[in-house]
Amino acid sequence: MDNDDQPVGRILSRREVLKLFGLAGSAAVLAGCSSEVAPTATSVAQANAPTTTATTAATNTIGEVATATSAATSTAEATATSEAVAALPSCIVRPELTEGPYFVDEKLERSDIRSDPSNNVVSAGTQLDVKVVVSQIGAGTCTALTGAIVDLWHCDADGVYSDATDRSFNTVGQKFLRGYQRTDDAGVANFTTIYPGWYQGRAVHIHFKIRTDAGYEFTSQFFFDESLTDVVHAQAPYVAKGVRTLLNDGDGIYQQSAGQTILTVVPNGQGYSATFEIGLQI
């Protein structure tokens, strides 16, 4: 199972994100306005400096004004940048990554994707609750994307996908660890699944896809902190498969993500939970 497609898409820089909101030029505007202050102070001081002593005093005053102006400009630029970044807490542009060979549009709407509907058998593994928050970027605004379809699918603790064939398995007709939810009025879709296992040629990951009824589609993958995976995979049922053979830094698809799709996972009463925020340019 080492035949995932090549990575696609690219990551937007912070400058590009700010530009989407019309904020990239704010510092330049501030600098352009402040440049007029020092010459005005110089003209006034020279016009009222009848002696060398007065000129020296005026020059010192000019220096103080210029220093103060520079400090004020720097402070204003820093404040403007800080406020601009703070205004984008939930509209984070993420890289699009390959779909891989195992996506099946099961049209299986459910929040808990752990079981196989054909026999109600629940996939063994550590529970993982995933909250996906989807926003839409457009016209200088960031708003919740309501009614979007969010699909999740991934392998089980043994590295096996459902409803697929491979050299080592045939699970056609089974639908464990697959499902979709529509985002609510806040752009949120919640899932209950298990921490994924691993297979040859890939780091530990979860696939996700976001679609709208208008035909827009975005596909990417979640990754995990290696130290957490070490802890989870040292327990049953994962430990039976042995130590994984590829980490994030050796996975070409992870490298394409530049770490921007790593889930921030925290313990909860049942296992672990994670929230992932993403802004889409639709």
Protein backbone atom coordinates (compact mmCIF):
# COMPACT_ATOMS: atom_id res chain seq x y z
CA MET A 1 0.00 0.00 0.00
CA ASP A 2 2.49 2.59 -1.18
CA ASN A 3 0.73 3.94 -4.25
CA ASP A 4 -0.84 7.18 -3.01
CA ASP A 5 -0.88 9.84 -5.74
CA GLN A 6 1.62 12.65 -5.94
CA PRO A 7 0.91 15.77 -3.85
CA VAL A 8 -0.98 18.70 -5.39
CA GLY A 9 -1.77 22.30 -4.46
CA ARG A 10 0.36 24.83 -2.66
CA ILE A 11 0.46 26.78 0.58
CA LEU A 12 -0.49 30.46 0.69
CA SER A 13 1.95 32.67 2.55
CA ARG A 14 0.85 34.97 5.36
CA ARG A 15 1.37 37.94 3.02
CA GLU A 16 -0.99 36.36 0.49
CA VAL A 17 -3.61 35.69 3.16
CA LEU A 18 -3.45 39.28 4.38
CA LYS A 19 -3.68 40.49 0.79
CA LEU A 20 -6.95 38.63 0.43
CA PHE A 21 -8.36 40.91 3.10
CA GLY A 22 -6.85 44.10 1.65
CA LEU A 23 -4.42 44.46 4.57
CA ALA A 24 -1.02 43.92 2.95
CA GLY A 25 -0.52 47.60 2.11
CA SER A 26 -1.38 49.06 5.52
CA ALA A 27 2.22 49.43 6.69
CA ALA A 28 3.22 51.17 3.46
CA VAL A 29 0.40 53.66 3.89
CA LEU A 30 1.49 54.42 7.43
CA ALA A 31 5.10 54.94 6.35
CA GLY A 32 4.06 57.25 3.53
CA CYS A 33 2.04 59.46 5.88
CA SER A 34 4.74 59.69 8.53
CA SER A 35 7.45 60.82 6.08
CA GLU A 36 5.91 64.30 5.93
CA VAL A 37 6.29 65.01 9.65
CA ALA A 38 10.06 65.52 9.94
CA PRO A 39 10.41 67.96 6.98
CA THR A 40 7.64 70.14 8.42
CA ALA A 41 9.40 70.28 11.78
CA THR A 42 12.70 71.15 10.05
CA SER A 43 11.16 74.05 8.13
CA VAL A 44 9.64 75.56 11.26
CA ALA A 45 12.86 75.21 13.27
CA GLN A 46 15.05 76.78 10.56
CA ALA A 47 12.69 79.69 10.03
CA ASN A 48 12.87 80.60 13.71
CA ALA A 49 16.59 80.01 14.37
CA PRO A 50 18.36 83.47 14.39
CA THR A 51 21.57 82.20 16.02
CA THR A 52 23.85 79.20 15.86
CA THR A 53 22.70 78.18 19.35
CA ALA A 54 19.06 78.31 18.28
CA THR A 55 19.87 76.33 15.14
CA THR A 56 21.63 73.66 17.22
CA ALA A 57 18.68 73.50 19.57
CA ALA A 58 16.30 73.22 16.66
CA THR A 59 18.42 70.49 15.11
CA ASN A 60 18.29 68.56 18.38
CA THR A 61 14.56 69.07 18.46
CA ILE A 62 14.29 67.79 14.89
CA GLY A 63 16.20 64.66 15.87
CA GLU A 64 13.88 64.06 18.78
CA VAL A 65 10.82 64.57 16.59
CA ALA A 66 12.20 62.23 13.91
CA THR A 67 13.00 59.59 16.56
CA ALA A 68 9.55 59.91 18.07
CA THR A 69 7.97 59.75 14.61
CA SER A 70 9.95 56.64 13.72
CA ALA A 71 8.97 54.96 16.98
CA ALA A 72 5.33 55.89 16.47
CA THR A 73 5.41 54.56 12.92
CA SER A 74 6.97 51.26 14.03
CA THR A 75 4.40 50.91 16.77
CA ALA A 76 1.56 51.66 14.38
CA GLU A 77 2.87 49.16 11.82
CA ALA A 78 3.26 46.45 14.47
CA THR A 79 -0.21 47.16 15.83
CA ALA A 80 -1.77 47.10 12.36
CA THR A 81 -0.07 43.80 11.50
CA SER A 82 -1.02 42.27 14.85
CA GLU A 83 -4.63 43.33 14.47
CA ALA A 84 -4.75 42.03 10.91
CA VAL A 85 -3.45 38.60 11.93
CA ALA A 86 -5.75 38.49 14.97
CA ALA A 87 -8.69 39.15 12.65
CA LEU A 88 -8.12 35.81 10.89
CA PRO A 89 -8.43 33.24 13.71
CA SER A 90 -10.74 30.84 11.90
CA CYS A 91 -10.02 31.57 8.24
CA ILE A 92 -6.72 29.75 7.89
CA VAL A 93 -5.76 28.78 4.36
CA ARG A 94 -4.50 25.18 4.23
CA PRO A 95 -2.71 23.26 1.45
CA GLU A 96 -4.67 20.91 -0.78
CA LEU A 97 -3.18 17.41 -0.92
CA THR A 98 -3.77 14.23 -2.90
CA GLU A 99 -7.01 12.27 -2.57
CA GLY A 100 -5.17 8.95 -2.71
CA PRO A 101 -6.51 5.69 -4.20
CA TYR A 102 -9.05 4.75 -1.53
CA PHE A 103 -11.77 7.40 -1.67
CA VAL A 104 -15.25 5.94 -2.21
CA ASP A 105 -18.28 8.20 -2.28
CA GLU A 106 -20.40 6.01 -0.01
CA LYS A 107 -22.96 8.78 0.65
CA LEU A 108 -22.96 7.56 4.23
CA GLU A 109 -24.08 10.47 6.41
CA ARG A 110 -23.07 9.86 10.02
CA SER A 111 -21.01 11.42 12.77
CA ASP A 112 -19.65 8.21 14.31
CA ILE A 113 -17.77 6.45 11.51
CA ARG A 114 -16.25 3.63 13.53
CA SER A 115 -18.68 0.84 12.67
CA ASP A 116 -19.37 -1.19 9.53
CA PRO A 117 -23.10 -0.70 8.71
CA SER A 118 -23.30 -4.18 7.18
CA ASN A 119 -22.62 -5.96 10.48
CA ASN A 120 -22.37 -3.18 13.10
CA VAL A 121 -18.86 -4.28 14.07
CA VAL A 122 -16.93 -1.34 15.56
CA SER A 123 -13.31 -0.85 14.51
CA ALA A 124 -10.95 -1.40 17.42
CA GLY A 125 -8.72 1.47 18.46
CA THR A 126 -8.30 4.59 20.56
CA GLN A 127 -11.26 6.96 20.17
CA LEU A 128 -10.56 10.21 18.34
CA ASP A 129 -13.12 13.02 18.10
CA VAL A 130 -12.49 15.44 15.22
CA LYS A 131 -14.16 18.84 14.89
CA VAL A 132 -13.75 20.47 11.47
CA VAL A 133 -14.56 24.19 11.28
CA VAL A 134 -15.02 25.42 7.71
CA SER A 135 -15.05 29.09 6.70
CA GLN A 136 -15.35 30.85 3.35
CA ILE A 137 -12.97 33.63 2.29
CA GLY A 138 -14.34 36.23 -0.08
CA ALA A 139 -14.79 39.97 -0.62
CA GLY A 140 -12.56 40.80 2.34
CA THR A 141 -14.64 38.71 4.74
CA CYS A 142 -14.44 35.36 6.48
CA THR A 143 -17.78 33.68 7.16
CA ALA A 144 -18.93 30.23 8.27
CA LEU A 145 -19.58 27.88 5.36
CA THR A 146 -22.95 26.29 6.08
CA GLY A 147 -24.19 23.07 4.48
CA ALA A 148 -20.85 21.91 3.09
CA ILE A 149 -20.24 18.15 2.88
CA VAL A 150 -17.19 17.02 4.86
CA ASP A 151 -15.98 13.45 4.18
CA LEU A 152 -13.53 11.56 6.41
CA TRP A 153 -11.90 8.22 5.60
CA HIS A 154 -8.80 6.39 6.80
CA CYS A 155 -7.30 2.99 7.54
CA ASP A 156 -7.95 0.94 10.67
CA ALA A 157 -5.44 -0.09 13.35
CA ASP A 158 -4.06 -2.76 10.99
CA GLY A 159 -3.57 -0.34 8.11
CA VAL A 160 -6.60 -1.59 6.15
CA TYR A 161 -9.15 0.57 4.29
CA SER A 162 -12.78 -0.45 3.87
CA ASP A 163 -14.49 -1.00 0.51
CA ALA A 164 -11.18 -1.37 -1.31
CA THR A 165 -8.87 -3.98 -2.76
CA ASP A 166 -5.12 -4.16 -2.36
CA ARG A 167 -2.38 -6.77 -2.50
CA SER A 168 -2.96 -7.61 1.17
CA PHE A 169 -6.75 -7.27 1.56
CA ASN A 170 -10.16 -7.19 -0.05
CA THR A 171 -12.82 -5.31 1.93
CA VAL A 172 -15.27 -4.50 -0.87
CA GLY A 173 -18.76 -3.98 0.55
CA GLN A 174 -17.55 -2.94 4.00
CA LYS A 175 -17.78 0.70 5.07
CA PHE A 176 -15.94 1.09 8.36
CA LEU A 177 -14.11 4.36 9.03
CA ARG A 178 -15.94 6.27 6.31
CA GLY A 179 -18.68 8.86 6.43
CA TYR A 180 -19.68 12.46 5.94
CA GLN A 181 -21.38 15.30 7.79
CA ARG A 182 -22.83 18.59 6.60
CA THR A 183 -21.51 21.71 8.33
CA ASP A 184 -23.97 23.48 10.63
CA ASP A 185 -24.70 27.23 10.84
CA ALA A 186 -21.30 27.74 12.49
CA GLY A 187 -19.48 25.83 9.73
CA VAL A 188 -18.83 22.88 12.06
CA ALA A 189 -18.82 19.15 11.29
CA ASN A 190 -18.13 16.69 14.13
CA PHE A 191 -16.82 13.13 13.80
CA THR A 192 -16.06 10.27 16.13
CA THR A 193 -13.49 7.82 14.80
CA ILE A 194 -10.35 6.02 15.96
CA TYR A 195 -6.70 7.00 15.86
CA PRO A 196 -5.48 5.61 12.52
CA GLY A 197 -2.94 2.86 12.11
CA TRP A 198 -0.19 2.75 9.51
CA TYR A 199 0.80 0.96 6.32
CA GLN A 200 3.89 0.68 4.17
CA GLY A 201 4.93 3.82 2.31
CA ARG A 202 2.91 6.40 4.27
CA ALA A 203 3.04 8.29 7.54
CA VAL A 204 -0.02 8.12 9.82
CA HIS A 205 -2.82 10.22 8.31
CA ILE A 206 -6.55 10.80 7.77
CA HIS A 207 -8.06 11.85 4.44
CA PHE A 208 -10.72 14.55 4.26
CA LYS A 209 -12.71 16.19 1.51
CA ILE A 210 -14.95 19.29 1.58
CA ARG A 211 -17.62 19.75 -1.11
CA THR A 212 -20.46 22.15 -1.80
CA ASP A 213 -23.69 21.61 -3.70
CA ALA A 214 -22.42 24.13 -6.26
CA GLY A 215 -19.61 21.78 -7.31
CA TYR A 216 -16.64 23.14 -5.32
CA GLU A 217 -14.25 20.49 -3.97
CA PHE A 218 -11.23 20.63 -1.67
CA THR A 219 -9.22 17.55 -0.65
CA SER A 220 -6.39 17.19 1.85
CA GLN A 221 -5.00 15.06 4.70
CA PHE A 222 -4.57 15.34 8.45
CA PHE A 223 -1.28 14.29 10.05
CA PHE A 224 -0.25 13.67 13.66
CA ASP A 225 2.56 14.58 16.02
CA GLU A 226 5.02 11.68 16.05
CA SER A 227 5.41 11.64 19.84
CA LEU A 228 1.66 11.15 20.27
CA THR A 229 1.59 8.39 17.66
CA ASP A 230 4.41 6.66 19.58
CA VAL A 231 2.20 6.60 22.69
CA VAL A 232 -0.98 5.44 20.94
CA HIS A 233 0.71 2.81 18.78
CA ALA A 234 2.43 1.28 21.79
CA GLN A 235 -1.01 0.14 22.98
CA ALA A 236 -3.43 -2.52 21.75
CA PRO A 237 -4.55 -3.08 19.06
CA TYR A 238 -1.87 -1.05 17.25
CA VAL A 239 1.14 -2.68 18.91
CA ALA A 240 0.42 -6.01 17.21
CA LYS A 241 1.39 -4.55 13.81
CA GLY A 242 4.82 -3.47 15.03
CA VAL A 243 6.70 -0.20 14.67
CA ARG A 244 5.73 1.97 11.68
CA THR A 245 8.33 2.22 8.94
CA LEU A 246 7.80 5.81 7.79
CA LEU A 247 7.55 9.03 9.79
CA ASN A 248 6.24 12.44 8.76
CA ASP A 249 9.63 13.76 7.68
CA GLY A 250 9.99 10.90 5.18
CA ASP A 251 6.51 11.23 3.69
CA GLY A 252 6.46 13.30 0.49
CA ILE A 253 2.81 14.25 0.92
CA TYR A 254 3.45 15.47 4.45
CA GLN A 255 6.36 17.53 3.14
CA GLN A 256 4.02 19.19 0.66
CA SER A 257 1.80 20.23 3.60
CA ALA A 258 4.73 21.90 5.44
CA GLY A 259 3.12 20.74 8.68
CA GLN A 260 0.05 22.94 8.22
CA THR A 261 -2.41 20.04 8.43
CA ILE A 262 -1.13 18.46 11.64
CA LEU A 263 -4.00 17.97 14.06
CA THR A 264 -3.62 19.55 17.49
CA VAL A 265 -4.76 16.60 19.60
CA VAL A 266 -5.61 16.75 23.32
CA PRO A 267 -6.73 14.01 25.72
CA ASN A 268 -10.38 13.78 26.69
CA GLY A 269 -12.39 11.39 28.81
CA GLN A 270 -12.80 8.83 26.00
CA GLY A 271 -9.46 9.11 24.25
CA TYR A 272 -8.44 12.20 22.26
CA SER A 273 -10.04 15.15 20.49
CA ALA A 274 -8.91 17.66 17.89
CA THR A 275 -10.26 20.82 16.25
CA PHE A 276 -9.17 21.80 12.74
CA GLU A 277 -10.02 25.22 11.24
CA ILE A 278 -9.83 25.87 7.52
CA GLY A 279 -10.71 28.78 5.23
CA LEU A 280 -11.64 28.08 1.62
CA GLN A 281 -11.43 30.49 -1.31
CA ILE A 282 -14.68 29.78 -3.10
